Amino acid sequence: MADIVVLRPDEEPQAAGAVTYAPRSEVPENAHVILIENGKPRARDLMEFVAAELKERYPIGTVEIFSKPSAGKPIEADEAKEMAARAHLIITGVGD
């Protein structure tokens, strides 16, 4: 039988131990960043805000926003390969 964990906002969370993050590279000067918006209402507005914040905080050269035609349509494999080849960083994952 599975355990059910109940999280209460009025209690302090218990420490689960040390968290180890995956290794990250530094963002290179004049990096090219691609943001993928999922086609939902206001998703592009959110990605434009993220683009402005990234440019302010990091040595970003250019930011491109790739728009999916709809939330239910996946990115084609050739599109993903092409984006990966030209970008230093790709951010996706706008959710509800």
PDB file of N, CA and C in Angstrom:
ATOM      1  N   MET A   1       0.839  -1.166   0.000  1.00  0.00           N
ATOM      2  CA  MET A   1       0.000   0.000   0.000  1.00  0.00           C
ATOM      3  C   MET A   1       0.893   1.241   0.000  1.00  0.00           C
ATOM      4  N   ALA A   2       0.496   2.277  -0.737  1.00  0.00           N
ATOM      5  CA  ALA A   2       1.278   3.506  -0.855  1.00  0.00           C
ATOM      6  C   ALA A   2       1.052   4.409   0.348  1.00  0.00           C
ATOM      7  N   ASP A   3       2.070   5.191   0.675  1.00  0.00           N
ATOM      8  CA  ASP A   3       1.956   6.180   1.741  1.00  0.00           C
ATOM      9  C   ASP A   3       1.330   7.453   1.186  1.00  0.00           C
ATOM     10  N   ILE A   4       0.561   8.125   1.983  1.00  0.00           N
ATOM     11  CA  ILE A   4       0.004   9.429   1.634  1.00  0.00           C
ATOM     12  C   ILE A   4       0.669  10.450   2.544  1.00  0.00           C
ATOM     13  N   VAL A   5       1.272  11.460   1.951  1.00  0.00           N
ATOM     14  CA  VAL A   5       1.943  12.508   2.703  1.00  0.00           C
ATOM     15  C   VAL A   5       1.042  13.736   2.710  1.00  0.00           C
ATOM     16  N   VAL A   6       0.719  14.215   3.884  1.00  0.00           N
ATOM     17  CA  VAL A   6      -0.117  15.402   4.032  1.00  0.00           C
ATOM     18  C   VAL A   6       0.790  16.565   4.401  1.00  0.00           C
ATOM     19  N   LEU A   7       0.744  17.617   3.605  1.00  0.00           N
ATOM     20  CA  LEU A   7       1.542  18.809   3.859  1.00  0.00           C
ATOM     21  C   LEU A   7       0.621  19.882   4.437  1.00  0.00           C
ATOM     22  N   ARG A   8       0.988  20.392   5.591  1.00  0.00           N
ATOM     23  CA  ARG A   8       0.186  21.414   6.248  1.00  0.00           C
ATOM     24  C   ARG A   8       0.916  22.751   6.190  1.00  0.00           C
ATOM     25  N   PRO A   9       0.268  23.785   5.688  1.00  0.00           N
ATOM     26  CA  PRO A   9       0.944  25.078   5.579  1.00  0.00           C
ATOM     27  C   PRO A   9       1.210  25.752   6.917  1.00  0.00           C
ATOM     28  N   ASP A  10       0.601  25.266   7.993  1.00  0.00           N
ATOM     29  CA  ASP A  10       0.811  25.886   9.298  1.00  0.00           C
ATOM     30  C   ASP A  10       1.909  25.202  10.104  1.00  0.00           C
ATOM     31  N   GLU A  11       2.613  24.249   9.500  1.00  0.00           N
ATOM     32  CA  GLU A  11       3.717  23.564  10.174  1.00  0.00           C
ATOM     33  C   GLU A  11       5.002  23.750   9.378  1.00  0.00           C
ATOM     34  N   GLU A  12       6.123  23.776  10.082  1.00  0.00           N
ATOM     35  CA  GLU A  12       7.417  23.853   9.425  1.00  0.00           C
ATOM     36  C   GLU A  12       7.720  22.511   8.758  1.00  0.00           C
ATOM     37  N   PRO A  13       8.229  22.525   7.515  1.00  0.00           N
ATOM     38  CA  PRO A  13       8.569  21.253   6.869  1.00  0.00           C
ATOM     39  C   PRO A  13       9.760  20.600   7.548  1.00  0.00           C
ATOM     40  N   GLN A  14       9.776  19.298   7.557  1.00  0.00           N
ATOM     41  CA  GLN A  14      10.900  18.563   8.126  1.00  0.00           C
ATOM     42  C   GLN A  14      11.984  18.435   7.063  1.00  0.00           C
ATOM     43  N   ALA A  15      13.209  18.620   7.484  1.00  0.00           N
ATOM     44  CA  ALA A  15      14.330  18.524   6.547  1.00  0.00           C
ATOM     45  C   ALA A  15      14.448  17.101   6.027  1.00  0.00           C
ATOM     46  N   ALA A  16      14.565  16.988   4.720  1.00  0.00           N
ATOM     47  CA  ALA A  16      14.657  15.670   4.092  1.00  0.00           C
ATOM     48  C   ALA A  16      16.106  15.290   3.806  1.00  0.00           C
ATOM     49  N   GLY A  17      17.034  16.103   4.228  1.00  0.00           N
ATOM     50  CA  GLY A  17      18.440  15.824   3.955  1.00  0.00           C
ATOM     51  C   GLY A  17      18.991  16.809   2.937  1.00  0.00           C
ATOM     52  N   ALA A  18      20.246  16.675   2.665  1.00  0.00           N
ATOM     53  CA  ALA A  18      20.914  17.577   1.730  1.00  0.00           C
ATOM     54  C   ALA A  18      20.431  17.327   0.302  1.00  0.00           C
ATOM     55  N   VAL A  19      20.294  18.405  -0.435  1.00  0.00           N
ATOM     56  CA  VAL A  19      19.892  18.328  -1.836  1.00  0.00           C
ATOM     57  C   VAL A  19      21.121  18.570  -2.686  1.00  0.00           C
ATOM     58  N   THR A  20      21.348  17.711  -3.651  1.00  0.00           N
ATOM     59  CA  THR A  20      22.472  17.870  -4.564  1.00  0.00           C
ATOM     60  C   THR A  20      21.932  18.198  -5.947  1.00  0.00           C
ATOM     61  N   TYR A  21      22.331  19.331  -6.476  1.00  0.00           N
ATOM     62  CA  TYR A  21      21.881  19.753  -7.795  1.00  0.00           C
ATOM     63  C   TYR A  21      22.792  19.189  -8.876  1.00  0.00           C
ATOM     64  N   ALA A  22      22.239  19.011 -10.057  1.00  0.00           N
ATOM     65  CA  ALA A  22      23.027  18.564 -11.201  1.00  0.00           C
ATOM     66  C   ALA A  22      24.039  19.650 -11.543  1.00  0.00           C
ATOM     67  N   PRO A  23      25.202  19.261 -12.067  1.00  0.00           N
ATOM     68  CA  PRO A  23      26.207  20.264 -12.419  1.00  0.00           C
ATOM     69  C   PRO A  23      25.686  21.203 -13.505  1.00  0.00           C
ATOM     70  N   ARG A  24      26.039  22.468 -13.390  1.00  0.00           N
ATOM     71  CA  ARG A  24      25.622  23.479 -14.359  1.00  0.00           C
ATOM     72  C   ARG A  24      26.856  24.186 -14.901  1.00  0.00           C
ATOM     73  N   SER A  25      26.778  24.580 -16.147  1.00  0.00           N
ATOM     74  CA  SER A  25      27.830  25.383 -16.764  1.00  0.00           C
ATOM     75  C   SER A  25      27.493  26.852 -16.562  1.00  0.00           C
ATOM     76  N   GLU A  26      28.508  27.687 -16.602  1.00  0.00           N
ATOM     77  CA  GLU A  26      28.284  29.123 -16.550  1.00  0.00           C
ATOM     78  C   GLU A  26      27.630  29.564 -17.861  1.00  0.00           C
ATOM     79  N   VAL A  27      26.825  30.596 -17.779  1.00  0.00           N
ATOM     80  CA  VAL A  27      26.221  31.157 -18.982  1.00  0.00           C
ATOM     81  C   VAL A  27      27.305  31.959 -19.697  1.00  0.00           C
ATOM     82  N   PRO A  28      27.629  31.607 -20.951  1.00  0.00           N
ATOM     83  CA  PRO A  28      28.703  32.331 -21.641  1.00  0.00           C
ATOM     84  C   PRO A  28      28.268  33.755 -22.006  1.00  0.00           C
ATOM     85  N   GLU A  29      29.253  34.634 -22.171  1.00  0.00           N
ATOM     86  CA  GLU A  29      28.971  35.999 -22.619  1.00  0.00           C
ATOM     87  C   GLU A  29      28.238  35.941 -23.952  1.00  0.00           C
ATOM     88  N   ASN A  30      27.274  36.809 -24.127  1.00  0.00           N
ATOM     89  CA  ASN A  30      26.493  36.901 -25.357  1.00  0.00           C
ATOM     90  C   ASN A  30      25.788  35.603 -25.711  1.00  0.00           C
ATOM     91  N   ALA A  31      25.334  34.886 -24.700  1.00  0.00           N
ATOM     92  CA  ALA A  31      24.652  33.615 -24.918  1.00  0.00           C
ATOM     93  C   ALA A  31      23.360  33.814 -25.708  1.00  0.00           C
ATOM     94  N   HIS A  32      23.020  32.795 -26.485  1.00  0.00           N
ATOM     95  CA  HIS A  32      21.744  32.777 -27.220  1.00  0.00           C
ATOM     96  C   HIS A  32      20.799  31.871 -26.444  1.00  0.00           C
ATOM     97  N   VAL A  33      19.668  32.429 -26.019  1.00  0.00           N
ATOM     98  CA  VAL A  33      18.692  31.699 -25.218  1.00  0.00           C
ATOM     99  C   VAL A  33      17.404  31.559 -26.019  1.00  0.00           C
ATOM    100  N   ILE A  34      16.814  30.370 -25.961  1.00  0.00           N
ATOM    101  CA  ILE A  34      15.519  30.142 -26.590  1.00  0.00           C
ATOM    102  C   ILE A  34      14.518  29.815 -25.490  1.00  0.00           C
ATOM    103  N   LEU A  35      13.416  30.536 -25.481  1.00  0.00           N
ATOM    104  CA  LEU A  35      12.312  30.274 -24.566  1.00  0.00           C
ATOM    105  C   LEU A  35      11.172  29.685 -25.392  1.00  0.00           C
ATOM    106  N   ILE A  36      10.592  28.611 -24.918  1.00  0.00           N
ATOM    107  CA  ILE A  36       9.514  27.953 -25.657  1.00  0.00           C
ATOM    108  C   ILE A  36       8.209  28.207 -24.927  1.00  0.00           C
ATOM    109  N   GLU A  37       7.294  28.904 -25.592  1.00  0.00           N
ATOM    110  CA  GLU A  37       5.977  29.125 -25.003  1.00  0.00           C
ATOM    111  C   GLU A  37       5.008  28.145 -25.626  1.00  0.00           C
ATOM    112  N   ASN A  38       4.056  27.703 -24.822  1.00  0.00           N
ATOM    113  CA  ASN A  38       3.225  26.569 -25.220  1.00  0.00           C
ATOM    114  C   ASN A  38       1.954  26.915 -25.980  1.00  0.00           C
ATOM    115  N   GLY A  39       1.721  28.171 -26.304  1.00  0.00           N
ATOM    116  CA  GLY A  39       0.546  28.524 -27.084  1.00  0.00           C
ATOM    117  C   GLY A  39      -0.694  28.821 -26.266  1.00  0.00           C
ATOM    118  N   LYS A  40      -0.601  28.721 -24.950  1.00  0.00           N
ATOM    119  CA  LYS A  40      -1.752  29.041 -24.103  1.00  0.00           C
ATOM    120  C   LYS A  40      -1.859  30.563 -23.950  1.00  0.00           C
ATOM    121  N   PRO A  41      -3.063  31.032 -23.597  1.00  0.00           N
ATOM    122  CA  PRO A  41      -3.223  32.474 -23.400  1.00  0.00           C
ATOM    123  C   PRO A  41      -2.226  33.017 -22.373  1.00  0.00           C
ATOM    124  N   ARG A  42      -1.612  34.126 -22.697  1.00  0.00           N
ATOM    125  CA  ARG A  42      -0.670  34.854 -21.846  1.00  0.00           C
ATOM    126  C   ARG A  42       0.680  34.164 -21.661  1.00  0.00           C
ATOM    127  N   ALA A  43       0.883  33.000 -22.277  1.00  0.00           N
ATOM    128  CA  ALA A  43       2.179  32.317 -22.147  1.00  0.00           C
ATOM    129  C   ALA A  43       3.293  33.156 -22.760  1.00  0.00           C
ATOM    130  N   ARG A  44       3.027  33.792 -23.890  1.00  0.00           N
ATOM    131  CA  ARG A  44       4.046  34.636 -24.516  1.00  0.00           C
ATOM    132  C   ARG A  44       4.389  35.825 -23.620  1.00  0.00           C
ATOM    133  N   ASP A  45       3.362  36.405 -22.986  1.00  0.00           N
ATOM    134  CA  ASP A  45       3.622  37.513 -22.057  1.00  0.00           C
ATOM    135  C   ASP A  45       4.565  37.074 -20.942  1.00  0.00           C
ATOM    136  N   LEU A  46       4.336  35.892 -20.406  1.00  0.00           N
ATOM    137  CA  LEU A  46       5.195  35.364 -19.350  1.00  0.00           C
ATOM    138  C   LEU A  46       6.618  35.168 -19.856  1.00  0.00           C
ATOM    139  N   MET A  47       6.768  34.604 -21.049  1.00  0.00           N
ATOM    140  CA  MET A  47       8.106  34.368 -21.594  1.00  0.00           C
ATOM    141  C   MET A  47       8.823  35.679 -21.899  1.00  0.00           C
ATOM    142  N   GLU A  48       8.094  36.704 -22.325  1.00  0.00           N
ATOM    143  CA  GLU A  48       8.714  38.011 -22.538  1.00  0.00           C
ATOM    144  C   GLU A  48       9.225  38.593 -21.224  1.00  0.00           C
ATOM    145  N   PHE A  49       8.484  38.392 -20.148  1.00  0.00           N
ATOM    146  CA  PHE A  49       8.939  38.815 -18.824  1.00  0.00           C
ATOM    147  C   PHE A  49      10.196  38.044 -18.421  1.00  0.00           C
ATOM    148  N   VAL A  50      10.205  36.735 -18.625  1.00  0.00           N
ATOM    149  CA  VAL A  50      11.376  35.908 -18.302  1.00  0.00           C
ATOM    150  C   VAL A  50      12.574  36.371 -19.120  1.00  0.00           C
ATOM    151  N   ALA A  51      12.363  36.671 -20.402  1.00  0.00           N
ATOM    152  CA  ALA A  51      13.451  37.139 -21.265  1.00  0.00           C
ATOM    153  C   ALA A  51      14.060  38.431 -20.727  1.00  0.00           C
ATOM    154  N   ALA A  52      13.223  39.366 -20.322  1.00  0.00           N
ATOM    155  CA  ALA A  52      13.720  40.641 -19.784  1.00  0.00           C
ATOM    156  C   ALA A  52      14.517  40.420 -18.504  1.00  0.00           C
ATOM    157  N   GLU A  53      14.027  39.556 -17.624  1.00  0.00           N
ATOM    158  CA  GLU A  53      14.735  39.260 -16.371  1.00  0.00           C
ATOM    159  C   GLU A  53      16.077  38.582 -16.639  1.00  0.00           C
ATOM    160  N   LEU A  54      16.107  37.637 -17.572  1.00  0.00           N
ATOM    161  CA  LEU A  54      17.366  36.955 -17.903  1.00  0.00           C
ATOM    162  C   LEU A  54      18.398  37.946 -18.425  1.00  0.00           C
ATOM    163  N   LYS A  55      17.966  38.847 -19.312  1.00  0.00           N
ATOM    164  CA  LYS A  55      18.901  39.828 -19.877  1.00  0.00           C
ATOM    165  C   LYS A  55      19.438  40.770 -18.803  1.00  0.00           C
ATOM    166  N   GLU A  56      18.608  41.052 -17.814  1.00  0.00           N
ATOM    167  CA  GLU A  56      19.044  41.943 -16.742  1.00  0.00           C
ATOM    168  C   GLU A  56      20.032  41.266 -15.803  1.00  0.00           C
ATOM    169  N   ARG A  57      19.867  39.978 -15.567  1.00  0.00           N
ATOM    170  CA  ARG A  57      20.664  39.273 -14.561  1.00  0.00           C
ATOM    171  C   ARG A  57      21.889  38.546 -15.102  1.00  0.00           C
ATOM    172  N   TYR A  58      21.879  38.190 -16.380  1.00  0.00           N
ATOM    173  CA  TYR A  58      22.949  37.355 -16.944  1.00  0.00           C
ATOM    174  C   TYR A  58      23.495  37.974 -18.224  1.00  0.00           C
ATOM    175  N   PRO A  59      24.687  37.533 -18.658  1.00  0.00           N
ATOM    176  CA  PRO A  59      25.292  38.099 -19.865  1.00  0.00           C
ATOM    177  C   PRO A  59      24.670  37.532 -21.147  1.00  0.00           C
ATOM    178  N   ILE A  60      23.358  37.698 -21.281  1.00  0.00           N
ATOM    179  CA  ILE A  60      22.630  37.163 -22.421  1.00  0.00           C
ATOM    180  C   ILE A  60      22.797  38.097 -23.611  1.00  0.00           C
ATOM    181  N   GLY A  61      23.083  37.532 -24.772  1.00  0.00           N
ATOM    182  CA  GLY A  61      23.185  38.324 -25.993  1.00  0.00           C
ATOM    183  C   GLY A  61      21.829  38.459 -26.659  1.00  0.00           C
ATOM    184  N   THR A  62      21.216  37.332 -26.971  1.00  0.00           N
ATOM    185  CA  THR A  62      19.919  37.346 -27.634  1.00  0.00           C
ATOM    186  C   THR A  62      18.982  36.339 -26.988  1.00  0.00           C
ATOM    187  N   VAL A  63      17.705  36.688 -27.017  1.00  0.00           N
ATOM    188  CA  VAL A  63      16.662  35.789 -26.530  1.00  0.00           C
ATOM    189  C   VAL A  63      15.640  35.637 -27.653  1.00  0.00           C
ATOM    190  N   GLU A  64      15.341  34.417 -27.976  1.00  0.00           N
ATOM    191  CA  GLU A  64      14.350  34.105 -29.001  1.00  0.00           C
ATOM    192  C   GLU A  64      13.197  33.383 -28.313  1.00  0.00           C
ATOM    193  N   ILE A  65      11.981  33.745 -28.681  1.00  0.00           N
ATOM    194  CA  ILE A  65      10.815  33.055 -28.138  1.00  0.00           C
ATOM    195  C   ILE A  65      10.212  32.208 -29.254  1.00  0.00           C
ATOM    196  N   PHE A  66      10.207  30.908 -29.044  1.00  0.00           N
ATOM    197  CA  PHE A  66       9.629  29.958 -29.996  1.00  0.00           C
ATOM    198  C   PHE A  66       8.201  29.694 -29.555  1.00  0.00           C
ATOM    199  N   SER A  67       7.255  29.865 -30.454  1.00  0.00           N
ATOM    200  CA  SER A  67       5.843  29.668 -30.121  1.00  0.00           C
ATOM    201  C   SER A  67       5.328  28.380 -30.734  1.00  0.00           C
ATOM    202  N   LYS A  68       4.833  27.506 -29.867  1.00  0.00           N
ATOM    203  CA  LYS A  68       4.158  26.312 -30.360  1.00  0.00           C
ATOM    204  C   LYS A  68       2.782  26.732 -30.873  1.00  0.00           C
ATOM    205  N   PRO A  69       2.253  26.041 -31.884  1.00  0.00           N
ATOM    206  CA  PRO A  69       0.935  26.415 -32.394  1.00  0.00           C
ATOM    207  C   PRO A  69      -0.184  26.162 -31.385  1.00  0.00           C
ATOM    208  N   SER A  70      -0.008  25.181 -30.525  1.00  0.00           N
ATOM    209  CA  SER A  70      -0.992  24.915 -29.474  1.00  0.00           C
ATOM    210  C   SER A  70      -0.305  24.123 -28.363  1.00  0.00           C
ATOM    211  N   ALA A  71      -0.927  24.140 -27.189  1.00  0.00           N
ATOM    212  CA  ALA A  71      -0.355  23.439 -26.045  1.00  0.00           C
ATOM    213  C   ALA A  71      -0.291  21.932 -26.270  1.00  0.00           C
ATOM    214  N   GLY A  72      -1.217  21.403 -27.046  1.00  0.00           N
ATOM    215  CA  GLY A  72      -1.268  19.957 -27.252  1.00  0.00           C
ATOM    216  C   GLY A  72      -0.359  19.436 -28.345  1.00  0.00           C
ATOM    217  N   LYS A  73       0.277  20.319 -29.112  1.00  0.00           N
ATOM    218  CA  LYS A  73       1.136  19.874 -30.204  1.00  0.00           C
ATOM    219  C   LYS A  73       2.596  19.865 -29.744  1.00  0.00           C
ATOM    220  N   PRO A  74       3.252  18.719 -29.797  1.00  0.00           N
ATOM    221  CA  PRO A  74       4.666  18.679 -29.398  1.00  0.00           C
ATOM    222  C   PRO A  74       5.561  19.342 -30.443  1.00  0.00           C
ATOM    223  N   ILE A  75       6.745  19.709 -30.007  1.00  0.00           N
ATOM    224  CA  ILE A  75       7.742  20.247 -30.934  1.00  0.00           C
ATOM    225  C   ILE A  75       8.261  19.087 -31.773  1.00  0.00           C
ATOM    226  N   GLU A  76       8.395  19.313 -33.050  1.00  0.00           N
ATOM    227  CA  GLU A  76       8.911  18.280 -33.951  1.00  0.00           C
ATOM    228  C   GLU A  76      10.382  18.009 -33.624  1.00  0.00           C
ATOM    229  N   ALA A  77      10.814  16.781 -33.845  1.00  0.00           N
ATOM    230  CA  ALA A  77      12.191  16.379 -33.524  1.00  0.00           C
ATOM    231  C   ALA A  77      13.216  17.226 -34.264  1.00  0.00           C
ATOM    232  N   ASP A  78      12.966  17.530 -35.541  1.00  0.00           N
ATOM    233  CA  ASP A  78      13.929  18.341 -36.299  1.00  0.00           C
ATOM    234  C   ASP A  78      13.994  19.772 -35.776  1.00  0.00           C
ATOM    235  N   GLU A  79      12.862  20.314 -35.297  1.00  0.00           N
ATOM    236  CA  GLU A  79      12.861  21.646 -34.687  1.00  0.00           C
ATOM    237  C   GLU A  79      13.674  21.638 -33.388  1.00  0.00           C
ATOM    238  N   ALA A  80      13.498  20.615 -32.583  1.00  0.00           N
ATOM    239  CA  ALA A  80      14.225  20.514 -31.313  1.00  0.00           C
ATOM    240  C   ALA A  80      15.728  20.404 -31.564  1.00  0.00           C
ATOM    241  N   LYS A  81      16.133  19.597 -32.528  1.00  0.00           N
ATOM    242  CA  LYS A  81      17.565  19.452 -32.840  1.00  0.00           C
ATOM    243  C   LYS A  81      18.148  20.765 -33.331  1.00  0.00           C
ATOM    244  N   GLU A  82      17.411  21.470 -34.168  1.00  0.00           N
ATOM    245  CA  GLU A  82      17.892  22.733 -34.713  1.00  0.00           C
ATOM    246  C   GLU A  82      18.045  23.775 -33.606  1.00  0.00           C
ATOM    247  N   MET A  83      17.075  23.835 -32.683  1.00  0.00           N
ATOM    248  CA  MET A  83      17.176  24.772 -31.562  1.00  0.00           C
ATOM    249  C   MET A  83      18.362  24.415 -30.664  1.00  0.00           C
ATOM    250  N   ALA A  84      18.530  23.132 -30.374  1.00  0.00           N
ATOM    251  CA  ALA A  84      19.630  22.687 -29.512  1.00  0.00           C
ATOM    252  C   ALA A  84      20.983  23.020 -30.124  1.00  0.00           C
ATOM    253  N   ALA A  85      21.078  22.994 -31.436  1.00  0.00           N
ATOM    254  CA  ALA A  85      22.347  23.265 -32.103  1.00  0.00           C
ATOM    255  C   ALA A  85      22.744  24.734 -32.025  1.00  0.00           C
ATOM    256  N   ARG A  86      21.775  25.630 -31.952  1.00  0.00           N
ATOM    257  CA  ARG A  86      22.130  27.055 -31.993  1.00  0.00           C
ATOM    258  C   ARG A  86      21.982  27.799 -30.668  1.00  0.00           C
ATOM    259  N   ALA A  87      21.428  27.163 -29.649  1.00  0.00           N
ATOM    260  CA  ALA A  87      21.199  27.860 -28.383  1.00  0.00           C
ATOM    261  C   ALA A  87      22.163  27.381 -27.299  1.00  0.00           C
ATOM    262  N   HIS A  88      22.520  28.301 -26.408  1.00  0.00           N
ATOM    263  CA  HIS A  88      23.307  27.936 -25.227  1.00  0.00           C
ATOM    264  C   HIS A  88      22.401  27.437 -24.111  1.00  0.00           C
ATOM    265  N   LEU A  89      21.150  27.900 -24.120  1.00  0.00           N
ATOM    266  CA  LEU A  89      20.208  27.568 -23.056  1.00  0.00           C
ATOM    267  C   LEU A  89      18.799  27.589 -23.645  1.00  0.00           C
ATOM    268  N   ILE A  90      18.007  26.560 -23.322  1.00  0.00           N
ATOM    269  CA  ILE A  90      16.613  26.508 -23.746  1.00  0.00           C
ATOM    270  C   ILE A  90      15.762  26.321 -22.497  1.00  0.00           C
ATOM    271  N   ILE A  91      14.726  27.155 -22.387  1.00  0.00           N
ATOM    272  CA  ILE A  91      13.820  27.055 -21.240  1.00  0.00           C
ATOM    273  C   ILE A  91      12.417  26.816 -21.767  1.00  0.00           C
ATOM    274  N   THR A  92      11.782  25.822 -21.231  1.00  0.00           N
ATOM    275  CA  THR A  92      10.401  25.508 -21.569  1.00  0.00           C
ATOM    276  C   THR A  92       9.678  25.086 -20.303  1.00  0.00           C
ATOM    277  N   GLY A  93       8.400  24.856 -20.424  1.00  0.00           N
ATOM    278  CA  GLY A  93       7.691  24.325 -19.271  1.00  0.00           C
ATOM    279  C   GLY A  93       6.661  25.249 -18.668  1.00  0.00           C
ATOM    280  N   VAL A  94       6.041  26.099 -19.460  1.00  0.00           N
ATOM    281  CA  VAL A  94       4.956  26.914 -18.930  1.00  0.00           C
ATOM    282  C   VAL A  94       3.808  25.981 -18.600  1.00  0.00           C
ATOM    283  N   GLY A  95       3.365  25.989 -17.376  1.00  0.00           N
ATOM    284  CA  GLY A  95       2.282  25.102 -16.964  1.00  0.00           C
ATOM    285  C   GLY A  95       1.098  25.887 -16.453  1.00  0.00           C
ATOM    286  N   ASP A  96       0.096  25.165 -16.071  1.00  0.00           N
ATOM    287  CA  ASP A  96      -1.115  25.778 -15.537  1.00  0.00           C
ATOM    288  C   ASP A  96      -0.967  26.020 -14.048  1.00  0.00           C
TER     289      ASP A  96
END
